[in-house]
Amino acid sequence: MAEYDSQVIAKFANRLYAQAGIVRIVYPIAGAVLGGFIASVGKKFDATEPDLWDLFGPLLLGGLLFGVLGFLVGVGKAFSLKLQAQIALCQMKIEQNTSRKI
């Protein structure tokens, strides 16, 4: 049977905190790229004389909208990961405080 090792829980919590930091960066970037792609795919260009806004407007608006949405989802996911890490650390501390040391 496996023995209790508090270092495993500490490493797990550290990894969760690292993932939370990455999520806060990756989700908005992925959202902006996806939003820009979705917005620009459906745009039909007028071949006569397209101006700069017709070319890049949907890309910028879609990227901004989905980037903000990605940020909000990323903040929620990062909070969830940090909460999970704190629960693991709390359980580790309970074990340390309640174990009998002879």
PDB file of N, CA and C in Angstrom:
ATOM      1  N   MET A   1       0.835  -1.179   0.000  1.00  0.00           N
ATOM      2  CA  MET A   1       0.000   0.000   0.000  1.00  0.00           C
ATOM      3  C   MET A   1       0.887   1.253   0.000  1.00  0.00           C
ATOM      4  N   ALA A   2       0.474   2.268  -0.688  1.00  0.00           N
ATOM      5  CA  ALA A   2       1.261   3.499  -0.790  1.00  0.00           C
ATOM      6  C   ALA A   2       1.216   4.256   0.523  1.00  0.00           C
ATOM      7  N   GLU A   3       2.321   4.866   0.839  1.00  0.00           N
ATOM      8  CA  GLU A   3       2.444   5.670   2.055  1.00  0.00           C
ATOM      9  C   GLU A   3       2.072   7.120   1.760  1.00  0.00           C
ATOM     10  N   TYR A   4       1.625   7.804   2.805  1.00  0.00           N
ATOM     11  CA  TYR A   4       1.282   9.219   2.684  1.00  0.00           C
ATOM     12  C   TYR A   4       2.566  10.040   2.495  1.00  0.00           C
ATOM     13  N   ASP A   5       2.539  10.921   1.511  1.00  0.00           N
ATOM     14  CA  ASP A   5       3.683  11.795   1.255  1.00  0.00           C
ATOM     15  C   ASP A   5       3.145  13.201   0.977  1.00  0.00           C
ATOM     16  N   SER A   6       3.371  14.110   1.900  1.00  0.00           N
ATOM     17  CA  SER A   6       2.839  15.464   1.753  1.00  0.00           C
ATOM     18  C   SER A   6       3.484  16.214   0.595  1.00  0.00           C
ATOM     19  N   GLN A   7       4.678  15.811   0.176  1.00  0.00           N
ATOM     20  CA  GLN A   7       5.349  16.481  -0.936  1.00  0.00           C
ATOM     21  C   GLN A   7       4.600  16.294  -2.253  1.00  0.00           C
ATOM     22  N   VAL A   8       3.903  15.172  -2.393  1.00  0.00           N
ATOM     23  CA  VAL A   8       3.110  14.936  -3.600  1.00  0.00           C
ATOM     24  C   VAL A   8       1.986  15.963  -3.693  1.00  0.00           C
ATOM     25  N   ILE A   9       1.334  16.223  -2.576  1.00  0.00           N
ATOM     26  CA  ILE A   9       0.244  17.204  -2.560  1.00  0.00           C
ATOM     27  C   ILE A   9       0.795  18.603  -2.813  1.00  0.00           C
ATOM     28  N   ALA A  10       1.931  18.918  -2.229  1.00  0.00           N
ATOM     29  CA  ALA A  10       2.538  20.240  -2.443  1.00  0.00           C
ATOM     30  C   ALA A  10       2.919  20.437  -3.911  1.00  0.00           C
ATOM     31  N   LYS A  11       3.490  19.415  -4.536  1.00  0.00           N
ATOM     32  CA  LYS A  11       3.834  19.505  -5.961  1.00  0.00           C
ATOM     33  C   LYS A  11       2.584  19.673  -6.816  1.00  0.00           C
ATOM     34  N   PHE A  12       1.531  18.924  -6.451  1.00  0.00           N
ATOM     35  CA  PHE A  12       0.260  19.023  -7.172  1.00  0.00           C
ATOM     36  C   PHE A  12      -0.290  20.447  -7.079  1.00  0.00           C
ATOM     37  N   ALA A  13      -0.257  21.029  -5.890  1.00  0.00           N
ATOM     38  CA  ALA A  13      -0.754  22.392  -5.697  1.00  0.00           C
ATOM     39  C   ALA A  13       0.083  23.396  -6.488  1.00  0.00           C
ATOM     40  N   ASN A  14       1.394  23.211  -6.506  1.00  0.00           N
ATOM     41  CA  ASN A  14       2.255  24.111  -7.283  1.00  0.00           C
ATOM     42  C   ASN A  14       1.956  24.020  -8.770  1.00  0.00           C
ATOM     43  N   ARG A  15       1.703  22.819  -9.250  1.00  0.00           N
ATOM     44  CA  ARG A  15       1.354  22.656 -10.673  1.00  0.00           C
ATOM     45  C   ARG A  15       0.021  23.317 -10.991  1.00  0.00           C
ATOM     46  N   LEU A  16      -0.937  23.203 -10.071  1.00  0.00           N
ATOM     47  CA  LEU A  16      -2.228  23.856 -10.294  1.00  0.00           C
ATOM     48  C   LEU A  16      -2.069  25.371 -10.357  1.00  0.00           C
ATOM     49  N   TYR A  17      -1.235  25.926  -9.493  1.00  0.00           N
ATOM     50  CA  TYR A  17      -0.991  27.366  -9.540  1.00  0.00           C
ATOM     51  C   TYR A  17      -0.298  27.768 -10.847  1.00  0.00           C
ATOM     52  N   ALA A  18       0.619  26.955 -11.320  1.00  0.00           N
ATOM     53  CA  ALA A  18       1.276  27.240 -12.596  1.00  0.00           C
ATOM     54  C   ALA A  18       0.272  27.186 -13.747  1.00  0.00           C
ATOM     55  N   GLN A  19      -0.603  26.193 -13.716  1.00  0.00           N
ATOM     56  CA  GLN A  19      -1.637  26.087 -14.750  1.00  0.00           C
ATOM     57  C   GLN A  19      -2.558  27.293 -14.707  1.00  0.00           C
ATOM     58  N   ALA A  20      -2.894  27.767 -13.513  1.00  0.00           N
ATOM     59  CA  ALA A  20      -3.764  28.938 -13.385  1.00  0.00           C
ATOM     60  C   ALA A  20      -3.122  30.161 -14.029  1.00  0.00           C
ATOM     61  N   GLY A  21      -1.830  30.318 -13.867  1.00  0.00           N
ATOM     62  CA  GLY A  21      -1.139  31.441 -14.497  1.00  0.00           C
ATOM     63  C   GLY A  21      -1.134  31.343 -16.007  1.00  0.00           C
ATOM     64  N   ILE A  22      -0.957  30.138 -16.516  1.00  0.00           N
ATOM     65  CA  ILE A  22      -0.946  29.933 -17.965  1.00  0.00           C
ATOM     66  C   ILE A  22      -2.332  30.152 -18.560  1.00  0.00           C
ATOM     67  N   VAL A  23      -3.354  29.682 -17.859  1.00  0.00           N
ATOM     68  CA  VAL A  23      -4.731  29.805 -18.347  1.00  0.00           C
ATOM     69  C   VAL A  23      -5.117  31.268 -18.508  1.00  0.00           C
ATOM     70  N   ARG A  24      -4.673  32.107 -17.582  1.00  0.00           N
ATOM     71  CA  ARG A  24      -5.015  33.533 -17.656  1.00  0.00           C
ATOM     72  C   ARG A  24      -4.390  34.213 -18.862  1.00  0.00           C
ATOM     73  N   ILE A  25      -3.358  33.622 -19.424  1.00  0.00           N
ATOM     74  CA  ILE A  25      -2.710  34.185 -20.608  1.00  0.00           C
ATOM     75  C   ILE A  25      -3.241  33.543 -21.887  1.00  0.00           C
ATOM     76  N   VAL A  26      -3.399  32.237 -21.879  1.00  0.00           N
ATOM     77  CA  VAL A  26      -3.743  31.496 -23.098  1.00  0.00           C
ATOM     78  C   VAL A  26      -5.201  31.703 -23.511  1.00  0.00           C
ATOM     79  N   TYR A  27      -6.125  31.701 -22.560  1.00  0.00           N
ATOM     80  CA  TYR A  27      -7.542  31.813 -22.916  1.00  0.00           C
ATOM     81  C   TYR A  27      -7.874  33.104 -23.674  1.00  0.00           C
ATOM     82  N   PRO A  28      -7.411  34.282 -23.233  1.00  0.00           N
ATOM     83  CA  PRO A  28      -7.722  35.488 -24.015  1.00  0.00           C
ATOM     84  C   PRO A  28      -7.086  35.480 -25.408  1.00  0.00           C
ATOM     85  N   ILE A  29      -5.863  34.962 -25.511  1.00  0.00           N
ATOM     86  CA  ILE A  29      -5.207  34.913 -26.824  1.00  0.00           C
ATOM     87  C   ILE A  29      -5.953  33.968 -27.755  1.00  0.00           C
ATOM     88  N   ALA A  30      -6.296  32.788 -27.247  1.00  0.00           N
ATOM     89  CA  ALA A  30      -7.043  31.822 -28.066  1.00  0.00           C
ATOM     90  C   ALA A  30      -8.407  32.379 -28.448  1.00  0.00           C
ATOM     91  N   GLY A  31      -9.056  33.065 -27.520  1.00  0.00           N
ATOM     92  CA  GLY A  31     -10.352  33.672 -27.822  1.00  0.00           C
ATOM     93  C   GLY A  31     -10.252  34.740 -28.892  1.00  0.00           C
ATOM     94  N   ALA A  32      -9.209  35.561 -28.811  1.00  0.00           N
ATOM     95  CA  ALA A  32      -9.033  36.621 -29.808  1.00  0.00           C
ATOM     96  C   ALA A  32      -8.761  36.042 -31.190  1.00  0.00           C
ATOM     97  N   VAL A  33      -7.921  35.023 -31.257  1.00  0.00           N
ATOM     98  CA  VAL A  33      -7.616  34.395 -32.555  1.00  0.00           C
ATOM     99  C   VAL A  33      -8.868  33.734 -33.128  1.00  0.00           C
ATOM    100  N   LEU A  34      -9.575  32.989 -32.289  1.00  0.00           N
ATOM    101  CA  LEU A  34     -10.784  32.309 -32.750  1.00  0.00           C
ATOM    102  C   LEU A  34     -11.849  33.311 -33.180  1.00  0.00           C
ATOM    103  N   GLY A  35     -12.038  34.359 -32.388  1.00  0.00           N
ATOM    104  CA  GLY A  35     -13.039  35.373 -32.721  1.00  0.00           C
ATOM    105  C   GLY A  35     -12.710  36.114 -34.005  1.00  0.00           C
ATOM    106  N   GLY A  36     -11.439  36.435 -34.187  1.00  0.00           N
ATOM    107  CA  GLY A  36     -11.033  37.097 -35.427  1.00  0.00           C
ATOM    108  C   GLY A  36     -11.244  36.211 -36.635  1.00  0.00           C
ATOM    109  N   PHE A  37     -10.939  34.938 -36.474  1.00  0.00           N
ATOM    110  CA  PHE A  37     -11.141  33.988 -37.571  1.00  0.00           C
ATOM    111  C   PHE A  37     -12.617  33.838 -37.900  1.00  0.00           C
ATOM    112  N   ILE A  38     -13.442  33.659 -36.891  1.00  0.00           N
ATOM    113  CA  ILE A  38     -14.884  33.480 -37.120  1.00  0.00           C
ATOM    114  C   ILE A  38     -15.488  34.720 -37.767  1.00  0.00           C
ATOM    115  N   ALA A  39     -15.101  35.896 -37.286  1.00  0.00           N
ATOM    116  CA  ALA A  39     -15.664  37.135 -37.825  1.00  0.00           C
ATOM    117  C   ALA A  39     -15.211  37.396 -39.248  1.00  0.00           C
ATOM    118  N   SER A  40     -13.996  37.024 -39.579  1.00  0.00           N
ATOM    119  CA  SER A  40     -13.493  37.320 -40.917  1.00  0.00           C
ATOM    120  C   SER A  40     -13.923  36.287 -41.953  1.00  0.00           C
ATOM    121  N   VAL A  41     -14.271  35.087 -41.521  1.00  0.00           N
ATOM    122  CA  VAL A  41     -14.681  34.053 -42.478  1.00  0.00           C
ATOM    123  C   VAL A  41     -16.007  34.404 -43.140  1.00  0.00           C
ATOM    124  N   GLY A  42     -16.931  34.945 -42.372  1.00  0.00           N
ATOM    125  CA  GLY A  42     -18.246  35.236 -42.912  1.00  0.00           C
ATOM    126  C   GLY A  42     -18.340  36.531 -43.676  1.00  0.00           C
ATOM    127  N   LYS A  43     -17.294  37.313 -43.701  1.00  0.00           N
ATOM    128  CA  LYS A  43     -17.320  38.622 -44.359  1.00  0.00           C
ATOM    129  C   LYS A  43     -17.121  38.482 -45.862  1.00  0.00           C
ATOM    130  N   LYS A  44     -18.047  39.082 -46.624  1.00  0.00           N
ATOM    131  CA  LYS A  44     -17.909  39.131 -48.076  1.00  0.00           C
ATOM    132  C   LYS A  44     -17.307  40.483 -48.443  1.00  0.00           C
ATOM    133  N   PHE A  45     -16.263  40.454 -49.246  1.00  0.00           N
ATOM    134  CA  PHE A  45     -15.586  41.683 -49.622  1.00  0.00           C
ATOM    135  C   PHE A  45     -16.117  42.193 -50.949  1.00  0.00           C
ATOM    136  N   ASP A  46     -16.294  43.506 -51.014  1.00  0.00           N
ATOM    137  CA  ASP A  46     -16.695  44.159 -52.255  1.00  0.00           C
ATOM    138  C   ASP A  46     -15.425  44.412 -53.058  1.00  0.00           C
ATOM    139  N   ALA A  47     -15.337  43.793 -54.210  1.00  0.00           N
ATOM    140  CA  ALA A  47     -14.104  43.848 -54.998  1.00  0.00           C
ATOM    141  C   ALA A  47     -13.873  45.206 -55.644  1.00  0.00           C
ATOM    142  N   THR A  48     -14.875  46.073 -55.676  1.00  0.00           N
ATOM    143  CA  THR A  48     -14.701  47.346 -56.358  1.00  0.00           C
ATOM    144  C   THR A  48     -13.688  48.243 -55.642  1.00  0.00           C
ATOM    145  N   GLU A  49     -13.916  48.524 -54.384  1.00  0.00           N
ATOM    146  CA  GLU A  49     -12.992  49.393 -53.660  1.00  0.00           C
ATOM    147  C   GLU A  49     -13.114  49.154 -52.154  1.00  0.00           C
ATOM    148  N   PRO A  50     -12.479  48.101 -51.672  1.00  0.00           N
ATOM    149  CA  PRO A  50     -12.578  47.854 -50.223  1.00  0.00           C
ATOM    150  C   PRO A  50     -11.677  48.831 -49.457  1.00  0.00           C
ATOM    151  N   ASP A  51     -12.224  49.363 -48.380  1.00  0.00           N
ATOM    152  CA  ASP A  51     -11.384  50.221 -47.556  1.00  0.00           C
ATOM    153  C   ASP A  51     -10.786  49.396 -46.409  1.00  0.00           C
ATOM    154  N   LEU A  52      -9.973  50.032 -45.620  1.00  0.00           N
ATOM    155  CA  LEU A  52      -9.250  49.341 -44.554  1.00  0.00           C
ATOM    156  C   LEU A  52     -10.203  48.751 -43.517  1.00  0.00           C
ATOM    157  N   TRP A  53     -11.278  49.468 -43.217  1.00  0.00           N
ATOM    158  CA  TRP A  53     -12.234  48.980 -42.227  1.00  0.00           C
ATOM    159  C   TRP A  53     -12.943  47.721 -42.729  1.00  0.00           C
ATOM    160  N   ASP A  54     -13.263  47.673 -44.001  1.00  0.00           N
ATOM    161  CA  ASP A  54     -13.910  46.482 -44.552  1.00  0.00           C
ATOM    162  C   ASP A  54     -12.999  45.264 -44.457  1.00  0.00           C
ATOM    163  N   LEU A  55     -11.706  45.476 -44.562  1.00  0.00           N
ATOM    164  CA  LEU A  55     -10.776  44.355 -44.505  1.00  0.00           C
ATOM    165  C   LEU A  55     -10.499  43.890 -43.080  1.00  0.00           C
ATOM    166  N   PHE A  56     -10.248  44.839 -42.183  1.00  0.00           N
ATOM    167  CA  PHE A  56      -9.799  44.478 -40.840  1.00  0.00           C
ATOM    168  C   PHE A  56     -10.811  44.733 -39.733  1.00  0.00           C
ATOM    169  N   GLY A  57     -11.905  45.388 -40.029  1.00  0.00           N
ATOM    170  CA  GLY A  57     -12.918  45.678 -39.013  1.00  0.00           C
ATOM    171  C   GLY A  57     -13.492  44.435 -38.354  1.00  0.00           C
ATOM    172  N   PRO A  58     -14.003  43.482 -39.143  1.00  0.00           N
ATOM    173  CA  PRO A  58     -14.541  42.275 -38.515  1.00  0.00           C
ATOM    174  C   PRO A  58     -13.491  41.489 -37.735  1.00  0.00           C
ATOM    175  N   LEU A  59     -12.280  41.469 -38.261  1.00  0.00           N
ATOM    176  CA  LEU A  59     -11.193  40.768 -37.573  1.00  0.00           C
ATOM    177  C   LEU A  59     -10.935  41.399 -36.205  1.00  0.00           C
ATOM    178  N   LEU A  60     -10.857  42.720 -36.158  1.00  0.00           N
ATOM    179  CA  LEU A  60     -10.588  43.412 -34.899  1.00  0.00           C
ATOM    180  C   LEU A  60     -11.751  43.299 -33.916  1.00  0.00           C
ATOM    181  N   LEU A  61     -12.963  43.495 -34.421  1.00  0.00           N
ATOM    182  CA  LEU A  61     -14.122  43.416 -33.526  1.00  0.00           C
ATOM    183  C   LEU A  61     -14.333  42.003 -32.994  1.00  0.00           C
ATOM    184  N   GLY A  62     -14.232  41.017 -33.858  1.00  0.00           N
ATOM    185  CA  GLY A  62     -14.381  39.629 -33.418  1.00  0.00           C
ATOM    186  C   GLY A  62     -13.277  39.225 -32.461  1.00  0.00           C
ATOM    187  N   GLY A  63     -12.051  39.656 -32.767  1.00  0.00           N
ATOM    188  CA  GLY A  63     -10.936  39.349 -31.880  1.00  0.00           C
ATOM    189  C   GLY A  63     -11.092  40.000 -30.524  1.00  0.00           C
ATOM    190  N   LEU A  64     -11.530  41.240 -30.511  1.00  0.00           N
ATOM    191  CA  LEU A  64     -11.725  41.948 -29.245  1.00  0.00           C
ATOM    192  C   LEU A  64     -12.844  41.314 -28.419  1.00  0.00           C
ATOM    193  N   LEU A  65     -13.959  41.029 -29.064  1.00  0.00           N
ATOM    194  CA  LEU A  65     -15.097  40.449 -28.352  1.00  0.00           C
ATOM    195  C   LEU A  65     -14.753  39.075 -27.769  1.00  0.00           C
ATOM    196  N   PHE A  66     -14.193  38.221 -28.585  1.00  0.00           N
ATOM    197  CA  PHE A  66     -13.858  36.878 -28.107  1.00  0.00           C
ATOM    198  C   PHE A  66     -12.645  36.909 -27.172  1.00  0.00           C
ATOM    199  N   GLY A  67     -11.767  37.886 -27.327  1.00  0.00           N
ATOM    200  CA  GLY A  67     -10.647  38.038 -26.402  1.00  0.00           C
ATOM    201  C   GLY A  67     -11.126  38.388 -25.005  1.00  0.00           C
ATOM    202  N   VAL A  68     -12.092  39.302 -24.910  1.00  0.00           N
ATOM    203  CA  VAL A  68     -12.678  39.649 -23.611  1.00  0.00           C
ATOM    204  C   VAL A  68     -13.409  38.446 -23.031  1.00  0.00           C
ATOM    205  N   LEU A  69     -14.143  37.744 -23.862  1.00  0.00           N
ATOM    206  CA  LEU A  69     -14.841  36.543 -23.403  1.00  0.00           C
ATOM    207  C   LEU A  69     -13.838  35.482 -22.926  1.00  0.00           C
ATOM    208  N   GLY A  70     -12.761  35.302 -23.663  1.00  0.00           N
ATOM    209  CA  GLY A  70     -11.716  34.367 -23.261  1.00  0.00           C
ATOM    210  C   GLY A  70     -11.070  34.774 -21.949  1.00  0.00           C
ATOM    211  N   PHE A  71     -10.883  36.087 -21.755  1.00  0.00           N
ATOM    212  CA  PHE A  71     -10.322  36.574 -20.493  1.00  0.00           C
ATOM    213  C   PHE A  71     -11.239  36.238 -19.326  1.00  0.00           C
ATOM    214  N   LEU A  72     -12.526  36.478 -19.493  1.00  0.00           N
ATOM    215  CA  LEU A  72     -13.477  36.198 -18.412  1.00  0.00           C
ATOM    216  C   LEU A  72     -13.533  34.705 -18.091  1.00  0.00           C
ATOM    217  N   VAL A  73     -13.547  33.877 -19.119  1.00  0.00           N
ATOM    218  CA  VAL A  73     -13.549  32.429 -18.895  1.00  0.00           C
ATOM    219  C   VAL A  73     -12.227  32.004 -18.264  1.00  0.00           C
ATOM    220  N   GLY A  74     -11.123  32.579 -18.697  1.00  0.00           N
ATOM    221  CA  GLY A  74      -9.808  32.254 -18.152  1.00  0.00           C
ATOM    222  C   GLY A  74      -9.680  32.624 -16.688  1.00  0.00           C
ATOM    223  N   VAL A  75     -10.233  33.778 -16.299  1.00  0.00           N
ATOM    224  CA  VAL A  75     -10.192  34.180 -14.895  1.00  0.00           C
ATOM    225  C   VAL A  75     -10.983  33.196 -14.039  1.00  0.00           C
ATOM    226  N   GLY A  76     -12.132  32.770 -14.539  1.00  0.00           N
ATOM    227  CA  GLY A  76     -12.937  31.787 -13.802  1.00  0.00           C
ATOM    228  C   GLY A  76     -12.232  30.445 -13.678  1.00  0.00           C
ATOM    229  N   LYS A  77     -11.612  30.005 -14.752  1.00  0.00           N
ATOM    230  CA  LYS A  77     -10.889  28.727 -14.738  1.00  0.00           C
ATOM    231  C   LYS A  77      -9.670  28.818 -13.825  1.00  0.00           C
ATOM    232  N   ALA A  78      -8.953  29.943 -13.853  1.00  0.00           N
ATOM    233  CA  ALA A  78      -7.789  30.124 -12.986  1.00  0.00           C
ATOM    234  C   ALA A  78      -8.206  30.113 -11.518  1.00  0.00           C
ATOM    235  N   PHE A  79      -9.320  30.748 -11.209  1.00  0.00           N
ATOM    236  CA  PHE A  79      -9.823  30.734  -9.840  1.00  0.00           C
ATOM    237  C   PHE A  79     -10.168  29.316  -9.403  1.00  0.00           C
ATOM    238  N   SER A  80     -10.793  28.566 -10.282  1.00  0.00           N
ATOM    239  CA  SER A  80     -11.143  27.184  -9.975  1.00  0.00           C
ATOM    240  C   SER A  80      -9.896  26.334  -9.705  1.00  0.00           C
ATOM    241  N   LEU A  81      -8.851  26.525 -10.499  1.00  0.00           N
ATOM    242  CA  LEU A  81      -7.611  25.782 -10.295  1.00  0.00           C
ATOM    243  C   LEU A  81      -6.943  26.173  -8.974  1.00  0.00           C
ATOM    244  N   LYS A  82      -6.948  27.458  -8.660  1.00  0.00           N
ATOM    245  CA  LYS A  82      -6.357  27.899  -7.398  1.00  0.00           C
ATOM    246  C   LYS A  82      -7.158  27.384  -6.202  1.00  0.00           C
ATOM    247  N   LEU A  83      -8.467  27.351  -6.334  1.00  0.00           N
ATOM    248  CA  LEU A  83      -9.301  26.809  -5.263  1.00  0.00           C
ATOM    249  C   LEU A  83      -9.013  25.330  -5.048  1.00  0.00           C
ATOM    250  N   GLN A  84      -8.865  24.597  -6.126  1.00  0.00           N
ATOM    251  CA  GLN A  84      -8.536  23.180  -6.029  1.00  0.00           C
ATOM    252  C   GLN A  84      -7.177  22.987  -5.340  1.00  0.00           C
ATOM    253  N   ALA A  85      -6.220  23.839  -5.646  1.00  0.00           N
ATOM    254  CA  ALA A  85      -4.899  23.773  -5.001  1.00  0.00           C
ATOM    255  C   ALA A  85      -5.021  24.075  -3.514  1.00  0.00           C
ATOM    256  N   GLN A  86      -5.824  25.062  -3.173  1.00  0.00           N
ATOM    257  CA  GLN A  86      -5.992  25.408  -1.767  1.00  0.00           C
ATOM    258  C   GLN A  86      -6.682  24.293  -0.981  1.00  0.00           C
ATOM    259  N   ILE A  87      -7.624  23.619  -1.599  1.00  0.00           N
ATOM    260  CA  ILE A  87      -8.285  22.490  -0.942  1.00  0.00           C
ATOM    261  C   ILE A  87      -7.280  21.376  -0.672  1.00  0.00           C
ATOM    262  N   ALA A  88      -6.429  21.095  -1.646  1.00  0.00           N
ATOM    263  CA  ALA A  88      -5.406  20.055  -1.456  1.00  0.00           C
ATOM    264  C   ALA A  88      -4.439  20.456  -0.345  1.00  0.00           C
ATOM    265  N   LEU A  89      -4.016  21.727  -0.320  1.00  0.00           N
ATOM    266  CA  LEU A  89      -3.110  22.184   0.728  1.00  0.00           C
ATOM    267  C   LEU A  89      -3.768  22.155   2.101  1.00  0.00           C
ATOM    268  N   CYS A  90      -5.049  22.483   2.131  1.00  0.00           N
ATOM    269  CA  CYS A  90      -5.788  22.435   3.391  1.00  0.00           C
ATOM    270  C   CYS A  90      -5.865  20.994   3.917  1.00  0.00           C
ATOM    271  N   GLN A  91      -6.123  20.058   3.036  1.00  0.00           N
ATOM    272  CA  GLN A  91      -6.158  18.658   3.443  1.00  0.00           C
ATOM    273  C   GLN A  91      -4.785  18.202   3.927  1.00  0.00           C
ATOM    274  N   MET A  92      -3.730  18.673   3.287  1.00  0.00           N
ATOM    275  CA  MET A  92      -2.384  18.326   3.715  1.00  0.00           C
ATOM    276  C   MET A  92      -2.109  18.890   5.112  1.00  0.00           C
ATOM    277  N   LYS A  93      -2.531  20.118   5.353  1.00  0.00           N
ATOM    278  CA  LYS A  93      -2.313  20.743   6.652  1.00  0.00           C
ATOM    279  C   LYS A  93      -3.129  20.041   7.736  1.00  0.00           C
ATOM    280  N   ILE A  94      -4.341  19.618   7.417  1.00  0.00           N
ATOM    281  CA  ILE A  94      -5.154  18.868   8.381  1.00  0.00           C
ATOM    282  C   ILE A  94      -4.446  17.571   8.753  1.00  0.00           C
ATOM    283  N   GLU A  95      -3.898  16.900   7.776  1.00  0.00           N
ATOM    284  CA  GLU A  95      -3.172  15.654   8.047  1.00  0.00           C
ATOM    285  C   GLU A  95      -1.959  15.916   8.935  1.00  0.00           C
ATOM    286  N   GLN A  96      -1.248  16.997   8.648  1.00  0.00           N
ATOM    287  CA  GLN A  96      -0.072  17.319   9.459  1.00  0.00           C
ATOM    288  C   GLN A  96      -0.445  17.657  10.901  1.00  0.00           C
ATOM    289  N   ASN A  97      -1.558  18.358  11.078  1.00  0.00           N
ATOM    290  CA  ASN A  97      -1.953  18.783  12.420  1.00  0.00           C
ATOM    291  C   ASN A  97      -2.610  17.675  13.236  1.00  0.00           C
ATOM    292  N   THR A  98      -3.186  16.690  12.569  1.00  0.00           N
ATOM    293  CA  THR A  98      -3.896  15.650  13.310  1.00  0.00           C
ATOM    294  C   THR A  98      -3.101  14.354  13.438  1.00  0.00           C
ATOM    295  N   SER A  99      -2.011  14.227  12.720  1.00  0.00           N
ATOM    296  CA  SER A  99      -1.244  12.981  12.831  1.00  0.00           C
ATOM    297  C   SER A  99      -0.491  12.975  14.159  1.00  0.00           C
ATOM    298  N   ARG A 100      -0.369  11.796  14.728  1.00  0.00           N
ATOM    299  CA  ARG A 100       0.341  11.652  16.006  1.00  0.00           C
ATOM    300  C   ARG A 100       1.815  11.439  15.716  1.00  0.00           C
ATOM    301  N   LYS A 101       2.599  12.265  16.328  1.00  0.00           N
ATOM    302  CA  LYS A 101       4.043  12.130  16.176  1.00  0.00           C
ATOM    303  C   LYS A 101       4.605  11.631  17.491  1.00  0.00           C
ATOM    304  N   ILE A 102       5.281  10.510  17.421  1.00  0.00           N
ATOM    305  CA  ILE A 102       5.822   9.896  18.636  1.00  0.00           C
ATOM    306  C   ILE A 102       7.297  10.189  18.764  1.00  0.00           C
TER     307      ILE A 102
END
